[in-house]
Amino acid sequence: MITIPEELLPTSTFTCGPSQGHPVLRETPISKTMFERSHRAKDVSTDGLYKEATENLKKLLSLPDDYTVIFFLGGATPALDAVMWNLVTNSVSGLSFGAFSKLWCQKIASRLGDSVTKDFKEAKEGEFFPSEKPDFNASLVVLTPNETSTGVQIPDEYLENAWKSRGEDTLIAWDCTSCAGGRDLPKNIFDVMLFSMQKCFGVGGGSSVIILSPKAVKRVEEVKKYRTVPYSLDLAEAVKKAQEKCQTVNTPSTTNIWMFNEACKWMLDNGGLAAMDGLCRQHAQAILDFARHSDYLAPLIKDEKYRSYTTLTLEVTDPAIKDADISAALKATGKANLADGVKKYSSVKQNSLRIGCFPFIDIHGTQQYEKLLKCIDLIVKDLRANNK
């Protein structure tokens, strides 16, 4: 196995979550993050950290004043469960084109039973994005603007058309786990947005955010005549606590909310969402430029319109080079930031590498990416020499 000189190794982590945190987050002692304080204390919640984090997020995403921000327990999966159980009446539709959109559209939606009409369009063999459109008149339409596993995105114009085409009683829901804080999406053309904090915001796992429009808040009460919602997923009390006191139903990770707020503040102080979008694009472009000049890498998603720039997937085009070997060589450096390697998501069939392009991976530009890519080049040269 190749030995890479210390000075050539990057210091950032490029995995897709939990991802690289901002230096302020990484250098602050945990004792400064309020983790020992009560989440009911007014100076922590109603008049403190939780309120400030809510206001900063609303400012960052340009949210209307009447949208409700809920800090939810668990990552994106419980949040997806909560949205599905609380906001579907008799029908649900959406797009399934990767591991995480499939989780929402198939595994989670299936628990609602046969009384709910389900219309999910999947990417067919040879497709990365579904050619068929879902039913925009369903009670809930679930869309994943950026798919973490395959590195596919839903174009802005598709999201805008979904909003224009929605039925009178339809709610549009977005899972923005892989793009919230990194993609400047069309403003306020959703009723529901959810995301875990562990990607663009660089927060530890186990915390998520659910944002609801007034129409979605009203639906939470309406759904009670359709089904009984499990207590831990019931958004009715969560809405009330968030609106009245900036509190949560159960004890959250105050440390994660502190980290999230610090991330929001840094983003706002450094150009806001447009600047974070630009930083992600800069990271992705550095990778794409390198791939274009190599003879063994190419973007997996050929059509730029559908290619995510928050999580980028590269196909390894040389059949003699295996993605697992590249990942193993990075892991063998012994560096904690490279311990998980740079590897594809388990369900992706193509010989490929998935690289996070989130803002905090390199707040100064692309130096960390340049180091990573040079390391990959050294590894490939070594693999080729050993394969002769």
Protein backbone atom coordinates (compact mmCIF):
# COMPACT_ATOMS: atom_id res chain seq x y z
CA MET A 1 0.00 0.00 0.00
CA ILE A 2 1.29 3.45 -0.91
CA THR A 3 2.62 5.77 1.79
CA ILE A 4 1.59 9.38 1.22
CA PRO A 5 3.82 12.07 2.78
CA GLU A 6 2.23 13.90 5.68
CA GLU A 7 2.52 17.33 4.07
CA LEU A 8 0.46 16.20 1.08
CA LEU A 9 -2.53 15.03 3.11
CA PRO A 10 -5.65 17.20 3.48
CA THR A 11 -6.93 18.01 6.96
CA SER A 12 -10.64 18.21 6.06
CA THR A 13 -13.11 15.36 5.97
CA PHE A 14 -14.93 14.87 2.66
CA THR A 15 -17.59 12.38 3.74
CA CYS A 16 -21.26 13.25 3.29
CA GLY A 17 -22.22 13.32 6.95
CA PRO A 18 -21.54 13.96 9.65
CA SER A 19 -19.45 16.41 7.68
CA GLN A 20 -16.69 18.91 8.33
CA GLY A 21 -17.55 21.48 10.97
CA HIS A 22 -16.52 25.12 10.89
CA PRO A 23 -13.28 25.84 12.84
CA VAL A 24 -15.26 27.75 15.48
CA LEU A 25 -17.30 24.61 16.16
CA ARG A 26 -14.28 22.33 16.21
CA GLU A 27 -12.23 24.50 18.55
CA THR A 28 -14.90 25.40 21.15
CA PRO A 29 -14.86 23.40 24.42
CA ILE A 30 -18.07 21.46 24.91
CA SER A 31 -18.58 23.25 28.23
CA LYS A 32 -19.33 26.42 26.24
CA THR A 33 -22.21 24.85 24.31
CA MET A 34 -24.89 24.89 27.06
CA PHE A 35 -25.14 21.09 27.07
CA GLU A 36 -25.65 21.13 30.84
CA ARG A 37 -28.54 23.60 30.76
CA SER A 38 -32.28 22.88 30.82
CA HIS A 39 -33.99 23.15 27.45
CA ARG A 40 -36.95 24.76 29.25
CA ALA A 41 -34.89 27.65 30.67
CA LYS A 42 -36.07 30.92 29.08
CA ASP A 43 -32.52 32.18 28.58
CA VAL A 44 -31.78 29.00 26.59
CA SER A 45 -35.02 28.64 24.64
CA THR A 46 -37.63 31.42 24.58
CA ASP A 47 -35.23 34.33 25.09
CA GLY A 48 -31.97 32.63 24.19
CA LEU A 49 -30.22 30.15 21.93
CA TYR A 50 -33.25 28.40 20.41
CA LYS A 51 -34.95 31.69 19.52
CA GLU A 52 -31.72 33.08 18.07
CA ALA A 53 -31.14 29.93 15.99
CA THR A 54 -34.72 30.12 14.70
CA GLU A 55 -34.33 33.76 13.70
CA ASN A 56 -30.94 33.19 12.07
CA LEU A 57 -32.25 30.26 10.03
CA LYS A 58 -35.26 32.27 8.89
CA LYS A 59 -32.93 35.07 7.80
CA LEU A 60 -30.53 32.69 6.05
CA LEU A 61 -33.29 30.94 4.07
CA SER A 62 -35.41 34.10 3.61
CA LEU A 63 -38.39 32.37 5.24
CA PRO A 64 -41.72 34.19 5.68
CA ASP A 65 -42.42 35.32 9.25
CA ASP A 66 -45.44 33.01 9.52
CA TYR A 67 -43.47 29.80 8.76
CA THR A 68 -42.81 27.64 11.83
CA VAL A 69 -39.34 26.26 12.60
CA ILE A 70 -39.22 23.07 14.69
CA PHE A 71 -36.02 21.57 16.10
CA PHE A 72 -36.77 17.85 15.94
CA LEU A 73 -35.26 14.87 17.70
CA GLY A 74 -33.20 12.50 15.56
CA GLY A 75 -31.82 13.00 12.07
CA ALA A 76 -33.68 13.23 8.80
CA THR A 77 -35.32 9.78 9.01
CA PRO A 78 -37.53 10.54 12.06
CA ALA A 79 -38.32 13.92 10.49
CA LEU A 80 -39.40 12.15 7.29
CA ASP A 81 -41.57 9.84 9.37
CA ALA A 82 -43.15 12.78 11.18
CA VAL A 83 -43.94 14.63 7.95
CA MET A 84 -45.47 11.54 6.37
CA TRP A 85 -47.63 10.64 9.39
CA ASN A 86 -48.79 14.19 10.12
CA LEU A 87 -49.36 15.67 6.66
CA VAL A 88 -50.74 12.94 4.38
CA THR A 89 -54.52 12.68 4.23
CA ASN A 90 -55.56 10.15 1.57
CA SER A 91 -52.78 10.36 -1.06
CA VAL A 92 -49.05 10.92 -1.45
CA SER A 93 -46.78 11.19 -4.48
CA GLY A 94 -43.18 12.01 -5.26
CA LEU A 95 -39.90 11.10 -6.96
CA SER A 96 -37.65 8.16 -6.10
CA PHE A 97 -34.19 8.38 -7.67
CA GLY A 98 -31.68 7.37 -5.00
CA ALA A 99 -31.33 5.76 -1.59
CA PHE A 100 -32.75 8.65 0.43
CA SER A 101 -35.65 9.63 -1.80
CA LYS A 102 -36.46 5.92 -2.01
CA LEU A 103 -36.48 5.75 1.80
CA TRP A 104 -39.10 8.49 1.95
CA CYS A 105 -41.18 7.38 -1.02
CA GLN A 106 -41.19 3.63 -0.41
CA LYS A 107 -40.11 2.48 3.03
CA ILE A 108 -41.61 5.29 5.08
CA ALA A 109 -44.72 5.84 2.94
CA SER A 110 -45.52 2.10 2.96
CA ARG A 111 -46.24 2.26 6.71
CA LEU A 112 -49.32 4.39 6.05
CA GLY A 113 -51.13 1.32 4.69
CA ASP A 114 -53.35 0.62 1.71
CA SER A 115 -55.92 3.30 2.55
CA VAL A 116 -53.50 5.90 1.22
CA THR A 117 -53.07 6.18 -2.56
CA LYS A 118 -49.37 6.24 -3.45
CA ASP A 119 -47.92 7.49 -6.73
CA PHE A 120 -44.13 7.47 -6.81
CA LYS A 121 -42.14 7.80 -10.00
CA GLU A 122 -38.83 5.94 -10.06
CA ALA A 123 -35.77 6.39 -12.20
CA LYS A 124 -35.88 3.58 -14.77
CA GLU A 125 -32.98 1.39 -15.85
CA GLY A 126 -30.39 3.65 -17.44
CA GLU A 127 -31.92 6.78 -15.87
CA PHE A 128 -30.68 8.79 -12.92
CA PHE A 129 -33.77 11.01 -12.77
CA PRO A 130 -37.39 9.90 -13.36
CA SER A 131 -38.79 10.80 -16.77
CA GLU A 132 -42.38 10.56 -15.47
CA LYS A 133 -43.90 13.23 -13.23
CA PRO A 134 -45.74 12.42 -9.99
CA ASP A 135 -49.33 13.38 -9.22
CA PHE A 136 -49.17 17.06 -8.24
CA ASN A 137 -52.74 16.83 -6.90
CA ALA A 138 -51.89 14.37 -4.12
CA SER A 139 -52.38 15.58 -0.55
CA LEU A 140 -48.59 15.56 -0.09
CA VAL A 141 -45.90 15.67 -2.80
CA VAL A 142 -42.44 14.69 -1.53
CA LEU A 143 -39.36 15.89 -3.39
CA THR A 144 -35.64 15.59 -2.64
CA PRO A 145 -33.90 18.59 -4.27
CA ASN A 146 -30.44 17.00 -3.84
CA GLU A 147 -30.07 13.21 -3.62
CA THR A 148 -27.18 12.29 -1.33
CA SER A 149 -26.45 8.82 -2.68
CA THR A 150 -26.22 9.38 -6.44
CA GLY A 151 -25.34 13.07 -6.58
CA VAL A 152 -28.46 13.98 -8.58
CA GLN A 153 -30.40 17.20 -8.11
CA ILE A 154 -33.90 18.32 -9.04
CA PRO A 155 -33.50 21.44 -11.24
CA ASP A 156 -34.95 24.74 -10.04
CA GLU A 157 -37.43 24.89 -12.90
CA TYR A 158 -38.81 21.46 -11.97
CA LEU A 159 -39.37 22.62 -8.37
CA GLU A 160 -41.02 25.80 -9.63
CA ASN A 161 -43.29 23.82 -11.96
CA ALA A 162 -44.29 21.48 -9.13
CA TRP A 163 -45.37 24.50 -7.08
CA LYS A 164 -47.34 25.99 -9.96
CA SER A 165 -48.96 22.63 -10.80
CA ARG A 166 -50.00 21.67 -7.26
CA GLY A 167 -53.62 21.04 -6.40
CA GLU A 168 -55.67 23.27 -4.13
CA ASP A 169 -55.27 20.89 -1.18
CA THR A 170 -51.71 19.79 -2.00
CA LEU A 171 -48.70 20.36 0.23
CA ILE A 172 -45.23 20.40 -1.36
CA ALA A 173 -42.55 18.89 0.90
CA TRP A 174 -38.78 19.03 0.37
CA ASP A 175 -36.10 16.89 2.00
CA CYS A 176 -33.19 19.32 1.86
CA THR A 177 -30.76 17.30 3.99
CA SER A 178 -28.01 17.44 1.36
CA CYS A 179 -28.51 21.04 0.29
CA ALA A 180 -29.96 23.22 3.08
CA GLY A 181 -27.31 25.84 3.75
CA GLY A 182 -25.46 25.07 0.50
CA ARG A 183 -27.91 25.52 -2.36
CA ASP A 184 -29.77 28.75 -3.02
CA LEU A 185 -33.11 27.18 -3.86
CA PRO A 186 -36.11 29.06 -5.28
CA LYS A 187 -37.61 31.01 -2.41
CA ASN A 188 -40.69 29.86 -0.49
CA ILE A 189 -42.22 27.49 -2.99
CA PHE A 190 -42.67 24.74 -0.42
CA ASP A 191 -45.03 24.02 2.46
CA VAL A 192 -42.59 21.73 4.25
CA MET A 193 -38.82 21.67 4.38
CA LEU A 194 -36.85 19.25 6.50
CA PHE A 195 -33.18 18.46 6.89
CA SER A 196 -30.70 16.97 9.30
CA MET A 197 -28.04 19.40 10.53
CA GLN A 198 -25.07 17.16 9.77
CA LYS A 199 -24.17 18.15 6.19
CA CYS A 200 -23.89 21.76 5.00
CA PHE A 201 -24.12 23.04 8.57
CA GLY A 202 -21.37 20.71 9.81
CA VAL A 203 -23.25 19.65 12.98
CA GLY A 204 -23.06 16.24 14.66
CA GLY A 205 -25.69 13.63 13.85
CA GLY A 206 -29.01 13.16 15.61
CA SER A 207 -30.73 16.54 15.13
CA SER A 208 -33.01 17.84 12.41
CA VAL A 209 -35.19 20.79 11.44
CA ILE A 210 -38.78 20.77 10.17
CA ILE A 211 -40.17 23.98 8.64
CA LEU A 212 -43.94 24.29 8.11
CA SER A 213 -46.06 26.83 6.24
CA PRO A 214 -49.37 27.96 7.81
CA LYS A 215 -51.15 25.61 5.42
CA ALA A 216 -49.02 22.70 6.65
CA VAL A 217 -49.66 23.65 10.29
CA LYS A 218 -53.39 23.54 9.59
CA ARG A 219 -53.01 20.09 8.00
CA VAL A 220 -51.41 18.74 11.21
CA GLU A 221 -54.75 19.16 12.96
CA GLU A 222 -56.81 17.90 10.02
CA VAL A 223 -54.90 14.63 9.79
CA LYS A 224 -56.06 13.55 13.25
CA LYS A 225 -59.34 12.36 11.72
CA TYR A 226 -57.39 10.12 9.31
CA ARG A 227 -55.03 8.36 11.72
CA THR A 228 -53.53 8.22 15.18
CA VAL A 229 -49.99 9.56 15.06
CA PRO A 230 -47.35 7.98 17.35
CA TYR A 231 -46.61 10.30 20.26
CA SER A 232 -42.95 10.89 19.43
CA LEU A 233 -43.86 11.84 15.85
CA ASP A 234 -46.89 14.03 16.63
CA LEU A 235 -46.17 17.53 15.32
CA ALA A 236 -49.18 19.21 16.95
CA GLU A 237 -47.46 19.78 20.29
CA ALA A 238 -44.14 20.48 18.52
CA VAL A 239 -45.78 23.31 16.56
CA LYS A 240 -47.31 24.79 19.69
CA LYS A 241 -44.03 24.68 21.64
CA ALA A 242 -42.06 26.17 18.75
CA GLN A 243 -44.53 28.99 18.07
CA GLU A 244 -45.18 29.99 21.66
CA LYS A 245 -41.83 29.42 23.37
CA CYS A 246 -39.17 28.41 20.81
CA GLN A 247 -39.02 25.11 22.69
CA THR A 248 -39.10 21.42 21.81
CA VAL A 249 -41.41 18.69 23.12
CA ASN A 250 -38.61 16.52 24.44
CA THR A 251 -35.01 17.23 25.40
CA PRO A 252 -32.96 18.08 22.31
CA SER A 253 -29.20 18.19 21.89
CA THR A 254 -28.55 21.77 22.92
CA THR A 255 -24.95 21.29 21.80
CA ASN A 256 -26.14 20.52 18.26
CA ILE A 257 -28.46 23.53 18.25
CA TRP A 258 -25.56 25.68 19.48
CA MET A 259 -23.36 24.37 16.67
CA PHE A 260 -26.17 24.94 14.17
CA ASN A 261 -26.65 28.53 15.31
CA GLU A 262 -22.92 29.24 15.08
CA ALA A 263 -22.94 27.84 11.54
CA CYS A 264 -25.91 30.05 10.59
CA LYS A 265 -24.19 33.12 12.07
CA TRP A 266 -20.98 32.44 10.15
CA MET A 267 -22.92 31.92 6.92
CA LEU A 268 -24.84 35.18 7.42
CA ASP A 269 -21.64 37.08 8.23
CA ASN A 270 -19.92 35.73 5.13
CA GLY A 271 -22.34 36.50 2.34
CA GLY A 272 -25.41 34.47 3.27
CA LEU A 273 -26.91 31.62 1.29
CA ALA A 274 -25.80 32.96 -2.10
CA ALA A 275 -22.18 32.90 -0.95
CA MET A 276 -22.54 29.37 0.45
CA ASP A 277 -24.03 28.26 -2.87
CA GLY A 278 -21.03 29.79 -4.60
CA LEU A 279 -18.59 28.06 -2.26
CA CYS A 280 -20.17 24.65 -2.90
CA ARG A 281 -20.04 25.28 -6.64
CA GLN A 282 -16.38 26.27 -6.35
CA HIS A 283 -15.59 23.03 -4.54
CA ALA A 284 -17.47 20.95 -7.09
CA GLN A 285 -15.84 22.74 -10.02
CA ALA A 286 -12.36 22.01 -8.67
CA ILE A 287 -13.22 18.30 -8.64
CA LEU A 288 -14.79 18.42 -12.10
CA ASP A 289 -11.79 20.26 -13.55
CA PHE A 290 -9.47 17.61 -12.12
CA ALA A 291 -11.64 14.82 -13.50
CA ARG A 292 -11.71 16.40 -16.95
CA HIS A 293 -7.91 16.34 -17.13
CA SER A 294 -7.61 12.79 -15.77
CA ASP A 295 -7.91 9.57 -17.76
CA TYR A 296 -9.75 7.65 -15.06
CA LEU A 297 -12.51 9.94 -13.68
CA ALA A 298 -15.69 11.46 -15.10
CA PRO A 299 -18.86 12.90 -13.55
CA LEU A 300 -21.41 10.13 -13.02
CA ILE A 301 -24.25 12.52 -13.87
CA LYS A 302 -23.49 13.75 -17.38
CA ASP A 303 -26.27 16.34 -17.66
CA GLU A 304 -25.16 19.34 -15.60
CA LYS A 305 -28.78 20.37 -15.02
CA TYR A 306 -29.33 17.24 -12.91
CA ARG A 307 -25.85 17.15 -11.30
CA SER A 308 -25.67 18.06 -7.62
CA TYR A 309 -22.87 20.38 -6.55
CA THR A 310 -23.31 19.79 -2.81
CA THR A 311 -22.53 16.07 -3.06
CA LEU A 312 -20.65 15.11 -6.22
CA THR A 313 -20.26 11.56 -7.56
CA LEU A 314 -17.42 10.68 -9.94
CA GLU A 315 -17.33 7.51 -11.99
CA VAL A 316 -14.02 5.65 -12.05
CA THR A 317 -13.79 4.93 -15.77
CA ASP A 318 -10.69 2.71 -15.70
CA PRO A 319 -12.03 -0.81 -15.03
CA ALA A 320 -8.67 -1.83 -13.57
CA ILE A 321 -9.05 0.73 -10.76
CA LYS A 322 -11.62 -0.01 -8.07
CA ASP A 323 -13.23 2.68 -5.94
CA ALA A 324 -12.81 0.51 -2.86
CA ASP A 325 -9.04 0.41 -3.38
CA ILE A 326 -8.83 4.20 -3.52
CA SER A 327 -10.93 4.50 -0.38
CA ALA A 328 -8.85 1.86 1.41
CA ALA A 329 -5.61 3.67 0.56
CA LEU A 330 -6.96 6.93 2.00
CA LYS A 331 -8.09 5.13 5.13
CA ALA A 332 -4.66 3.51 5.47
CA THR A 333 -3.10 6.95 6.02
CA GLY A 334 -4.31 6.64 9.60
CA LYS A 335 -5.78 10.13 9.57
CA ALA A 336 -9.10 10.50 11.36
CA ASN A 337 -10.47 12.83 8.68
CA LEU A 338 -9.78 10.16 6.03
CA ALA A 339 -10.77 7.16 8.14
CA ASP A 340 -14.00 6.70 6.19
CA GLY A 341 -12.19 7.17 2.90
CA VAL A 342 -13.94 8.80 -0.04
CA LYS A 343 -16.37 6.21 -1.25
CA LYS A 344 -19.62 5.64 -3.03
CA TYR A 345 -22.91 5.05 -1.23
CA SER A 346 -23.54 1.34 -0.71
CA SER A 347 -26.55 1.13 -3.07
CA VAL A 348 -24.80 2.81 -6.01
CA LYS A 349 -23.81 0.17 -8.57
CA GLN A 350 -21.29 2.18 -10.58
CA ASN A 351 -17.56 2.08 -9.81
CA SER A 352 -17.51 5.56 -8.30
CA LEU A 353 -16.41 8.00 -5.60
CA ARG A 354 -18.73 10.36 -3.74
CA ILE A 355 -17.24 13.59 -2.39
CA GLY A 356 -18.95 16.14 -0.18
CA CYS A 357 -18.74 19.74 -1.40
CA PHE A 358 -20.31 21.43 1.64
CA PRO A 359 -19.24 24.98 2.61
CA PHE A 360 -17.17 24.15 5.68
CA ILE A 361 -15.00 21.50 4.01
CA ASP A 362 -12.88 24.40 2.77
CA ILE A 363 -14.07 27.88 3.70
CA HIS A 364 -11.06 29.46 2.00
CA GLY A 365 -11.54 27.95 -1.46
CA THR A 366 -10.21 24.69 -2.88
CA GLN A 367 -6.82 23.97 -1.27
CA GLN A 368 -8.17 21.01 0.69
CA TYR A 369 -9.71 19.58 -2.48
CA GLU A 370 -6.49 20.04 -4.41
CA LYS A 371 -4.66 18.04 -1.75
CA LEU A 372 -7.26 15.28 -1.80
CA LEU A 373 -7.21 15.00 -5.57
CA LYS A 374 -3.40 14.87 -5.69
CA CYS A 375 -3.53 12.05 -3.13
CA ILE A 376 -6.05 10.18 -5.26
CA ASP A 377 -3.78 10.65 -8.28
CA LEU A 378 -0.80 9.21 -6.36
CA ILE A 379 -2.92 6.25 -5.26
CA VAL A 380 -4.11 5.53 -8.80
CA LYS A 381 -0.56 5.68 -10.15
CA ASP A 382 0.52 3.22 -7.47
CA LEU A 383 -2.41 0.89 -8.22
CA ARG A 384 -1.60 0.96 -11.90
CA ALA A 385 2.07 0.21 -11.28
CA ASN A 386 1.16 -2.76 -9.11
CA ASN A 387 -1.35 -4.04 -11.70
CA LYS A 388 1.26 -4.30 -14.45
